[in-house]
Amino acid sequence: METFPLDSSKIYYSSDMLTLDCENGPVTLSLSGWLHEDPVRIHRMIVKEKLLQVDQMEVFAPLVSKLRRADYEYYKRITGLKMMIDFPGYPSEIEARIPFDTDPIAFYKWWRKGKNEAKVYLSPGYQFKLFQKVAKMEPKIMLKKDIEFVKNF
């Protein structure tokens, strides 16, 4: 069986073959096959490890769509404030970044007090940024655990 080792200088398209090590030994699939088989691994190789270069339109756009279905928690973590949400006062879904940046108090109330934390992942850094803004603007609405978070960050 022919193997197709990763070439980090090559830009991969969906029909390109790629051999990756798996639990049961090397497996060869087209990149399109890998998107179906293990989209999280492929995403990490592209974004975090920067080992795999792919065509943005042909490979990366479908990959993001597959991540949403394959591992929603991972998808939320990588999407962060780019997550589309239904936010009060807007007629349709918007990026979470919009209310986060323009109205941090309303976002805090919606996200933390409205029990919407599962809808948008905020890294500790973004939590700190949000809590710090809210603490300066309207500290009385903050939960004690968030005040402590800011003090101990």
N, C-alpha and C. Protein backbone atom coordinates (compact mmCIF):
# COMPACT_ATOMS: atom_id res chain seq x y z
N MET A 1 0.85 -1.19 0.00
CA MET A 1 0.00 0.00 0.00
C MET A 1 0.88 1.24 0.00
N GLU A 2 0.58 2.16 -0.87
CA GLU A 2 1.36 3.40 -0.99
C GLU A 2 1.01 4.34 0.15
N THR A 3 2.02 5.02 0.68
CA THR A 3 1.78 5.99 1.75
C THR A 3 2.02 7.40 1.21
N PHE A 4 1.35 8.33 1.85
CA PHE A 4 1.45 9.73 1.46
C PHE A 4 1.75 10.55 2.70
N PRO A 5 3.05 10.65 3.06
CA PRO A 5 3.40 11.38 4.28
C PRO A 5 3.07 12.87 4.16
N LEU A 6 2.85 13.48 5.30
CA LEU A 6 2.53 14.90 5.36
C LEU A 6 3.69 15.73 4.83
N ASP A 7 3.38 16.64 3.94
CA ASP A 7 4.36 17.59 3.41
C ASP A 7 3.90 18.97 3.86
N SER A 8 4.55 19.52 4.88
CA SER A 8 4.11 20.78 5.47
C SER A 8 4.28 21.99 4.54
N SER A 9 4.99 21.82 3.44
CA SER A 9 5.15 22.94 2.51
C SER A 9 4.10 22.92 1.40
N LYS A 10 3.34 21.84 1.33
CA LYS A 10 2.33 21.68 0.29
C LYS A 10 0.97 22.22 0.74
N ILE A 11 0.22 22.78 -0.18
CA ILE A 11 -1.17 23.18 0.09
C ILE A 11 -2.05 22.03 -0.37
N TYR A 12 -2.82 21.49 0.56
CA TYR A 12 -3.65 20.32 0.28
C TYR A 12 -5.04 20.72 -0.17
N TYR A 13 -5.57 19.92 -1.11
CA TYR A 13 -6.93 20.05 -1.59
C TYR A 13 -7.70 18.80 -1.17
N SER A 14 -9.00 18.83 -1.29
CA SER A 14 -9.82 17.73 -0.77
C SER A 14 -9.50 16.38 -1.38
N SER A 15 -9.05 16.31 -2.60
CA SER A 15 -8.75 15.02 -3.24
C SER A 15 -7.33 14.52 -2.96
N ASP A 16 -6.48 15.34 -2.37
CA ASP A 16 -5.11 14.92 -2.07
C ASP A 16 -5.10 13.83 -1.01
N MET A 17 -4.24 12.85 -1.20
CA MET A 17 -4.12 11.73 -0.27
C MET A 17 -3.16 12.10 0.86
N LEU A 18 -3.45 11.56 2.05
CA LEU A 18 -2.64 11.84 3.23
C LEU A 18 -2.63 10.61 4.12
N THR A 19 -1.44 10.21 4.57
CA THR A 19 -1.29 9.09 5.48
C THR A 19 -0.96 9.63 6.86
N LEU A 20 -1.77 9.24 7.85
CA LEU A 20 -1.54 9.65 9.23
C LEU A 20 -1.46 8.41 10.12
N ASP A 21 -0.68 8.51 11.18
CA ASP A 21 -0.59 7.42 12.14
C ASP A 21 -1.83 7.42 13.01
N CYS A 22 -2.40 6.24 13.16
CA CYS A 22 -3.59 6.05 13.99
C CYS A 22 -3.32 4.91 14.98
N GLU A 23 -4.28 4.61 15.83
CA GLU A 23 -4.12 3.56 16.83
C GLU A 23 -3.70 2.23 16.22
N ASN A 24 -4.28 1.88 15.08
CA ASN A 24 -4.01 0.59 14.44
C ASN A 24 -2.98 0.68 13.33
N GLY A 25 -2.14 1.72 13.37
CA GLY A 25 -1.12 1.90 12.36
C GLY A 25 -1.48 3.00 11.38
N PRO A 26 -0.66 3.16 10.34
CA PRO A 26 -0.89 4.23 9.37
C PRO A 26 -2.19 4.01 8.58
N VAL A 27 -2.90 5.12 8.35
CA VAL A 27 -4.14 5.09 7.57
C VAL A 27 -4.01 6.14 6.48
N THR A 28 -4.37 5.75 5.25
CA THR A 28 -4.32 6.67 4.12
C THR A 28 -5.74 6.96 3.65
N LEU A 29 -6.06 8.24 3.60
CA LEU A 29 -7.36 8.70 3.10
C LEU A 29 -7.14 9.98 2.31
N SER A 30 -8.11 10.31 1.49
CA SER A 30 -8.07 11.63 0.86
C SER A 30 -8.31 12.65 1.98
N LEU A 31 -7.94 13.89 1.77
CA LEU A 31 -8.17 14.90 2.80
C LEU A 31 -9.66 15.02 3.08
N SER A 32 -10.46 14.88 2.05
CA SER A 32 -11.92 14.88 2.23
C SER A 32 -12.33 13.74 3.17
N GLY A 33 -11.72 12.59 3.02
CA GLY A 33 -11.99 11.46 3.90
C GLY A 33 -11.60 11.75 5.34
N TRP A 34 -10.46 12.42 5.51
CA TRP A 34 -10.02 12.79 6.86
C TRP A 34 -10.99 13.78 7.49
N LEU A 35 -11.57 14.67 6.69
CA LEU A 35 -12.54 15.62 7.23
C LEU A 35 -13.74 14.89 7.81
N HIS A 36 -14.12 13.80 7.20
CA HIS A 36 -15.23 13.00 7.72
C HIS A 36 -14.79 12.13 8.90
N GLU A 37 -13.59 11.58 8.79
CA GLU A 37 -13.09 10.63 9.79
C GLU A 37 -12.69 11.30 11.10
N ASP A 38 -11.93 12.39 11.01
CA ASP A 38 -11.41 13.01 12.23
C ASP A 38 -11.21 14.52 12.02
N PRO A 39 -12.32 15.27 11.94
CA PRO A 39 -12.21 16.71 11.67
C PRO A 39 -11.46 17.48 12.75
N VAL A 40 -11.58 17.07 14.01
CA VAL A 40 -10.88 17.77 15.09
C VAL A 40 -9.37 17.65 14.90
N ARG A 41 -8.90 16.44 14.60
CA ARG A 41 -7.46 16.23 14.38
C ARG A 41 -6.96 17.09 13.22
N ILE A 42 -7.71 17.13 12.14
CA ILE A 42 -7.29 17.92 10.97
C ILE A 42 -7.27 19.41 11.33
N HIS A 43 -8.28 19.87 12.06
CA HIS A 43 -8.32 21.28 12.46
C HIS A 43 -7.11 21.62 13.33
N ARG A 44 -6.79 20.77 14.27
CA ARG A 44 -5.62 21.03 15.13
C ARG A 44 -4.33 21.06 14.32
N MET A 45 -4.22 20.17 13.34
CA MET A 45 -3.02 20.15 12.50
C MET A 45 -2.89 21.44 11.69
N ILE A 46 -4.02 22.02 11.32
CA ILE A 46 -4.00 23.25 10.52
C ILE A 46 -3.77 24.47 11.41
N VAL A 47 -4.56 24.61 12.46
CA VAL A 47 -4.60 25.84 13.23
C VAL A 47 -3.59 25.86 14.38
N LYS A 48 -3.54 24.83 15.16
CA LYS A 48 -2.69 24.85 16.35
C LYS A 48 -1.26 24.41 16.05
N GLU A 49 -1.12 23.28 15.37
CA GLU A 49 0.22 22.75 15.12
C GLU A 49 0.87 23.35 13.88
N LYS A 50 0.04 23.92 13.00
CA LYS A 50 0.49 24.54 11.76
C LYS A 50 1.35 23.59 10.91
N LEU A 51 0.94 22.31 10.91
CA LEU A 51 1.64 21.30 10.12
C LEU A 51 1.02 21.11 8.75
N LEU A 52 -0.24 21.46 8.63
CA LEU A 52 -1.00 21.16 7.42
C LEU A 52 -1.54 22.46 6.83
N GLN A 53 -1.22 22.69 5.56
CA GLN A 53 -1.74 23.86 4.85
C GLN A 53 -2.82 23.37 3.89
N VAL A 54 -3.96 24.02 3.91
CA VAL A 54 -5.07 23.60 3.05
C VAL A 54 -5.66 24.77 2.30
N ASP A 55 -6.35 24.45 1.22
CA ASP A 55 -7.07 25.47 0.48
C ASP A 55 -8.23 25.95 1.34
N GLN A 56 -8.34 27.25 1.51
CA GLN A 56 -9.35 27.83 2.40
C GLN A 56 -10.78 27.52 1.95
N MET A 57 -11.06 27.67 0.69
CA MET A 57 -12.43 27.48 0.20
C MET A 57 -12.79 26.00 0.08
N GLU A 58 -11.91 25.22 -0.46
CA GLU A 58 -12.23 23.82 -0.74
C GLU A 58 -12.14 22.92 0.48
N VAL A 59 -11.26 23.25 1.43
CA VAL A 59 -11.05 22.36 2.57
C VAL A 59 -11.45 23.01 3.90
N PHE A 60 -10.96 24.22 4.17
CA PHE A 60 -11.16 24.78 5.50
C PHE A 60 -12.62 25.14 5.77
N ALA A 61 -13.31 25.73 4.83
CA ALA A 61 -14.72 26.10 5.05
C ALA A 61 -15.58 24.86 5.35
N PRO A 62 -15.47 23.78 4.57
CA PRO A 62 -16.24 22.58 4.92
C PRO A 62 -15.80 21.96 6.25
N LEU A 63 -14.52 22.09 6.58
CA LEU A 63 -14.03 21.55 7.85
C LEU A 63 -14.75 22.19 9.03
N VAL A 64 -14.90 23.50 9.01
CA VAL A 64 -15.56 24.19 10.11
C VAL A 64 -17.01 23.71 10.25
N SER A 65 -17.66 23.50 9.13
CA SER A 65 -19.02 22.98 9.16
C SER A 65 -19.06 21.58 9.76
N LYS A 66 -18.11 20.75 9.41
CA LYS A 66 -18.06 19.39 9.95
C LYS A 66 -17.74 19.39 11.45
N LEU A 67 -16.92 20.31 11.88
CA LEU A 67 -16.59 20.40 13.31
C LEU A 67 -17.84 20.67 14.14
N ARG A 68 -18.69 21.53 13.63
CA ARG A 68 -19.91 21.88 14.35
C ARG A 68 -20.76 20.63 14.63
N ARG A 69 -20.84 19.75 13.65
CA ARG A 69 -21.63 18.53 13.82
C ARG A 69 -20.87 17.44 14.56
N ALA A 70 -19.57 17.34 14.35
CA ALA A 70 -18.79 16.24 14.91
C ALA A 70 -18.48 16.42 16.40
N ASP A 71 -18.14 17.64 16.80
CA ASP A 71 -17.75 17.89 18.19
C ASP A 71 -18.13 19.33 18.53
N TYR A 72 -19.38 19.50 18.96
CA TYR A 72 -19.90 20.85 19.18
C TYR A 72 -19.14 21.59 20.27
N GLU A 73 -18.70 20.91 21.32
CA GLU A 73 -17.94 21.57 22.39
C GLU A 73 -16.62 22.13 21.86
N TYR A 74 -15.92 21.34 21.06
CA TYR A 74 -14.68 21.81 20.44
C TYR A 74 -14.98 23.00 19.53
N TYR A 75 -16.05 22.89 18.75
CA TYR A 75 -16.45 23.97 17.85
C TYR A 75 -16.69 25.27 18.63
N LYS A 76 -17.39 25.17 19.76
CA LYS A 76 -17.65 26.37 20.57
C LYS A 76 -16.36 26.99 21.08
N ARG A 77 -15.43 26.14 21.50
CA ARG A 77 -14.16 26.65 22.03
C ARG A 77 -13.36 27.39 20.96
N ILE A 78 -13.35 26.84 19.75
CA ILE A 78 -12.56 27.50 18.71
C ILE A 78 -13.28 28.71 18.13
N THR A 79 -14.60 28.73 18.22
CA THR A 79 -15.37 29.84 17.68
C THR A 79 -15.38 31.03 18.63
N GLY A 80 -15.52 30.77 19.94
CA GLY A 80 -15.49 31.83 20.94
C GLY A 80 -16.48 32.94 20.65
N LEU A 81 -16.00 34.16 20.60
CA LEU A 81 -16.87 35.33 20.39
C LEU A 81 -17.38 35.47 18.96
N LYS A 82 -16.94 34.60 18.07
CA LYS A 82 -17.47 34.60 16.71
C LYS A 82 -18.75 33.77 16.61
N MET A 83 -19.12 33.12 17.72
CA MET A 83 -20.33 32.30 17.75
C MET A 83 -21.54 33.18 17.46
N MET A 84 -22.42 32.68 16.62
CA MET A 84 -23.65 33.39 16.30
C MET A 84 -24.67 33.09 17.39
N ILE A 85 -25.28 34.15 17.94
CA ILE A 85 -26.22 34.00 19.05
C ILE A 85 -27.48 34.83 18.82
N ASP A 86 -28.55 34.40 19.47
CA ASP A 86 -29.75 35.22 19.56
C ASP A 86 -29.56 36.09 20.78
N PHE A 87 -29.48 37.39 20.57
CA PHE A 87 -29.24 38.31 21.68
C PHE A 87 -30.40 39.30 21.74
N PRO A 88 -30.93 39.55 22.93
CA PRO A 88 -32.06 40.47 23.06
C PRO A 88 -31.78 41.83 22.42
N GLY A 89 -32.76 42.30 21.66
CA GLY A 89 -32.64 43.61 21.03
C GLY A 89 -32.18 43.56 19.59
N TYR A 90 -31.81 42.40 19.11
CA TYR A 90 -31.37 42.25 17.72
C TYR A 90 -32.38 41.37 16.99
N PRO A 91 -32.72 41.73 15.76
CA PRO A 91 -33.76 40.99 15.04
C PRO A 91 -33.34 39.59 14.56
N SER A 92 -32.04 39.36 14.45
CA SER A 92 -31.56 38.05 14.00
C SER A 92 -30.27 37.73 14.75
N GLU A 93 -29.72 36.56 14.47
CA GLU A 93 -28.48 36.16 15.13
C GLU A 93 -27.35 37.13 14.80
N ILE A 94 -26.50 37.34 15.79
CA ILE A 94 -25.33 38.20 15.61
C ILE A 94 -24.13 37.50 16.23
N GLU A 95 -22.93 37.97 15.88
CA GLU A 95 -21.73 37.45 16.53
C GLU A 95 -21.73 37.91 17.98
N ALA A 96 -21.35 37.02 18.87
CA ALA A 96 -21.31 37.34 20.30
C ALA A 96 -20.38 38.53 20.57
N ARG A 97 -19.40 38.73 19.71
CA ARG A 97 -18.44 39.83 19.88
C ARG A 97 -19.13 41.19 19.90
N ILE A 98 -20.22 41.33 19.15
CA ILE A 98 -20.88 42.64 19.03
C ILE A 98 -21.38 43.12 20.39
N PRO A 99 -22.25 42.37 21.08
CA PRO A 99 -22.66 42.87 22.40
C PRO A 99 -21.53 42.83 23.44
N PHE A 100 -20.60 41.89 23.29
CA PHE A 100 -19.45 41.82 24.19
C PHE A 100 -18.69 43.14 24.15
N ASP A 101 -18.48 43.67 22.94
CA ASP A 101 -17.71 44.91 22.77
C ASP A 101 -18.54 46.17 23.00
N THR A 102 -19.79 46.17 22.54
CA THR A 102 -20.57 47.41 22.56
C THR A 102 -21.39 47.60 23.84
N ASP A 103 -21.79 46.52 24.48
CA ASP A 103 -22.60 46.62 25.70
C ASP A 103 -22.22 45.51 26.67
N PRO A 104 -21.04 45.64 27.30
CA PRO A 104 -20.56 44.56 28.17
C PRO A 104 -21.50 44.24 29.33
N ILE A 105 -22.22 45.22 29.82
CA ILE A 105 -23.14 44.96 30.94
C ILE A 105 -24.29 44.07 30.48
N ALA A 106 -24.89 44.39 29.35
CA ALA A 106 -25.97 43.55 28.83
C ALA A 106 -25.46 42.16 28.49
N PHE A 107 -24.25 42.10 27.92
CA PHE A 107 -23.67 40.79 27.60
C PHE A 107 -23.43 39.99 28.87
N TYR A 108 -22.88 40.63 29.89
CA TYR A 108 -22.63 39.95 31.17
C TYR A 108 -23.93 39.39 31.74
N LYS A 109 -24.96 40.23 31.76
CA LYS A 109 -26.25 39.78 32.29
C LYS A 109 -26.79 38.60 31.48
N TRP A 110 -26.67 38.68 30.17
CA TRP A 110 -27.17 37.61 29.30
C TRP A 110 -26.34 36.34 29.49
N TRP A 111 -25.01 36.51 29.47
CA TRP A 111 -24.11 35.36 29.49
C TRP A 111 -24.06 34.69 30.86
N ARG A 112 -23.79 35.47 31.89
CA ARG A 112 -23.58 34.90 33.22
C ARG A 112 -24.90 34.75 33.98
N LYS A 113 -25.63 35.83 34.11
CA LYS A 113 -26.85 35.78 34.91
C LYS A 113 -28.01 35.14 34.16
N GLY A 114 -27.97 35.20 32.85
CA GLY A 114 -29.01 34.57 32.04
C GLY A 114 -28.76 33.10 31.78
N LYS A 115 -27.69 32.59 32.36
CA LYS A 115 -27.33 31.17 32.24
C LYS A 115 -27.08 30.77 30.79
N ASN A 116 -26.39 31.61 30.05
CA ASN A 116 -26.06 31.32 28.65
C ASN A 116 -24.58 30.99 28.45
N GLU A 117 -23.90 30.62 29.53
CA GLU A 117 -22.48 30.32 29.44
C GLU A 117 -22.18 29.17 28.48
N ALA A 118 -23.13 28.25 28.35
CA ALA A 118 -22.94 27.10 27.47
C ALA A 118 -23.06 27.48 25.99
N LYS A 119 -23.60 28.65 25.71
CA LYS A 119 -23.79 29.06 24.32
C LYS A 119 -22.56 29.72 23.72
N VAL A 120 -21.75 30.38 24.56
CA VAL A 120 -20.56 31.08 24.08
C VAL A 120 -19.41 30.75 25.02
N TYR A 121 -18.32 30.23 24.45
CA TYR A 121 -17.13 29.95 25.25
C TYR A 121 -16.29 31.21 25.36
N LEU A 122 -16.00 31.61 26.58
CA LEU A 122 -15.07 32.71 26.83
C LEU A 122 -13.84 32.16 27.52
N SER A 123 -12.70 32.37 26.91
CA SER A 123 -11.45 31.95 27.54
C SER A 123 -11.28 32.74 28.84
N PRO A 124 -10.40 32.29 29.73
CA PRO A 124 -10.17 33.07 30.95
C PRO A 124 -9.77 34.52 30.66
N GLY A 125 -9.02 34.75 29.61
CA GLY A 125 -8.62 36.11 29.25
C GLY A 125 -9.81 36.98 28.88
N TYR A 126 -10.72 36.43 28.09
CA TYR A 126 -11.92 37.19 27.72
C TYR A 126 -12.87 37.35 28.91
N GLN A 127 -12.92 36.35 29.78
CA GLN A 127 -13.73 36.51 31.00
C GLN A 127 -13.18 37.67 31.82
N PHE A 128 -11.87 37.71 31.99
CA PHE A 128 -11.24 38.79 32.75
C PHE A 128 -11.57 40.14 32.13
N LYS A 129 -11.45 40.23 30.81
CA LYS A 129 -11.73 41.48 30.10
C LYS A 129 -13.18 41.92 30.34
N LEU A 130 -14.11 40.98 30.22
CA LEU A 130 -15.52 41.29 30.43
C LEU A 130 -15.77 41.70 31.88
N PHE A 131 -15.29 40.90 32.82
CA PHE A 131 -15.54 41.19 34.23
C PHE A 131 -14.92 42.51 34.65
N GLN A 132 -13.76 42.81 34.11
CA GLN A 132 -13.09 44.07 34.43
C GLN A 132 -13.90 45.27 33.94
N LYS A 133 -14.44 45.17 32.71
CA LYS A 133 -15.27 46.26 32.17
C LYS A 133 -16.52 46.44 33.02
N VAL A 134 -17.17 45.33 33.35
CA VAL A 134 -18.41 45.40 34.14
C VAL A 134 -18.11 45.96 35.53
N ALA A 135 -17.00 45.55 36.12
CA ALA A 135 -16.63 46.03 37.46
C ALA A 135 -16.43 47.55 37.46
N LYS A 136 -15.91 48.09 36.38
CA LYS A 136 -15.71 49.54 36.29
C LYS A 136 -17.02 50.28 36.03
N MET A 137 -17.91 49.66 35.26
CA MET A 137 -19.13 50.35 34.84
C MET A 137 -20.29 50.17 35.83
N GLU A 138 -20.47 48.96 36.31
CA GLU A 138 -21.61 48.67 37.18
C GLU A 138 -21.29 47.50 38.11
N PRO A 139 -20.41 47.74 39.08
CA PRO A 139 -19.92 46.64 39.93
C PRO A 139 -20.99 45.93 40.76
N LYS A 140 -22.09 46.59 41.04
CA LYS A 140 -23.12 46.00 41.90
C LYS A 140 -23.81 44.80 41.27
N ILE A 141 -23.76 44.67 39.94
CA ILE A 141 -24.43 43.55 39.29
C ILE A 141 -23.58 42.28 39.25
N MET A 142 -22.30 42.42 39.59
CA MET A 142 -21.39 41.28 39.46
C MET A 142 -21.60 40.24 40.55
N LEU A 143 -21.41 38.98 40.15
CA LEU A 143 -21.43 37.88 41.10
C LEU A 143 -20.12 37.89 41.89
N LYS A 144 -20.17 37.44 43.13
CA LYS A 144 -18.97 37.43 43.97
C LYS A 144 -17.85 36.63 43.35
N LYS A 145 -18.20 35.48 42.75
CA LYS A 145 -17.16 34.64 42.16
C LYS A 145 -16.43 35.36 41.02
N ASP A 146 -17.12 36.25 40.31
CA ASP A 146 -16.49 36.99 39.22
C ASP A 146 -15.61 38.12 39.74
N ILE A 147 -16.02 38.73 40.84
CA ILE A 147 -15.18 39.75 41.49
C ILE A 147 -13.89 39.11 41.97
N GLU A 148 -14.00 37.94 42.56
CA GLU A 148 -12.81 37.21 43.04
C GLU A 148 -11.93 36.81 41.87
N PHE A 149 -12.53 36.41 40.77
CA PHE A 149 -11.78 36.03 39.58
C PHE A 149 -10.90 37.18 39.11
N VAL A 150 -11.46 38.39 39.07
CA VAL A 150 -10.72 39.56 38.63
C VAL A 150 -9.57 39.86 39.59
N LYS A 151 -9.86 39.78 40.90
CA LYS A 151 -8.84 40.06 41.91
C LYS A 151 -7.69 39.07 41.84
N ASN A 152 -7.98 37.82 41.51
CA ASN A 152 -6.96 36.77 41.51
C ASN A 152 -6.35 36.46 40.15
N PHE A 153 -6.76 37.19 39.12
CA PHE A 153 -6.28 36.88 37.76
C PHE A 153 -4.82 37.24 37.62
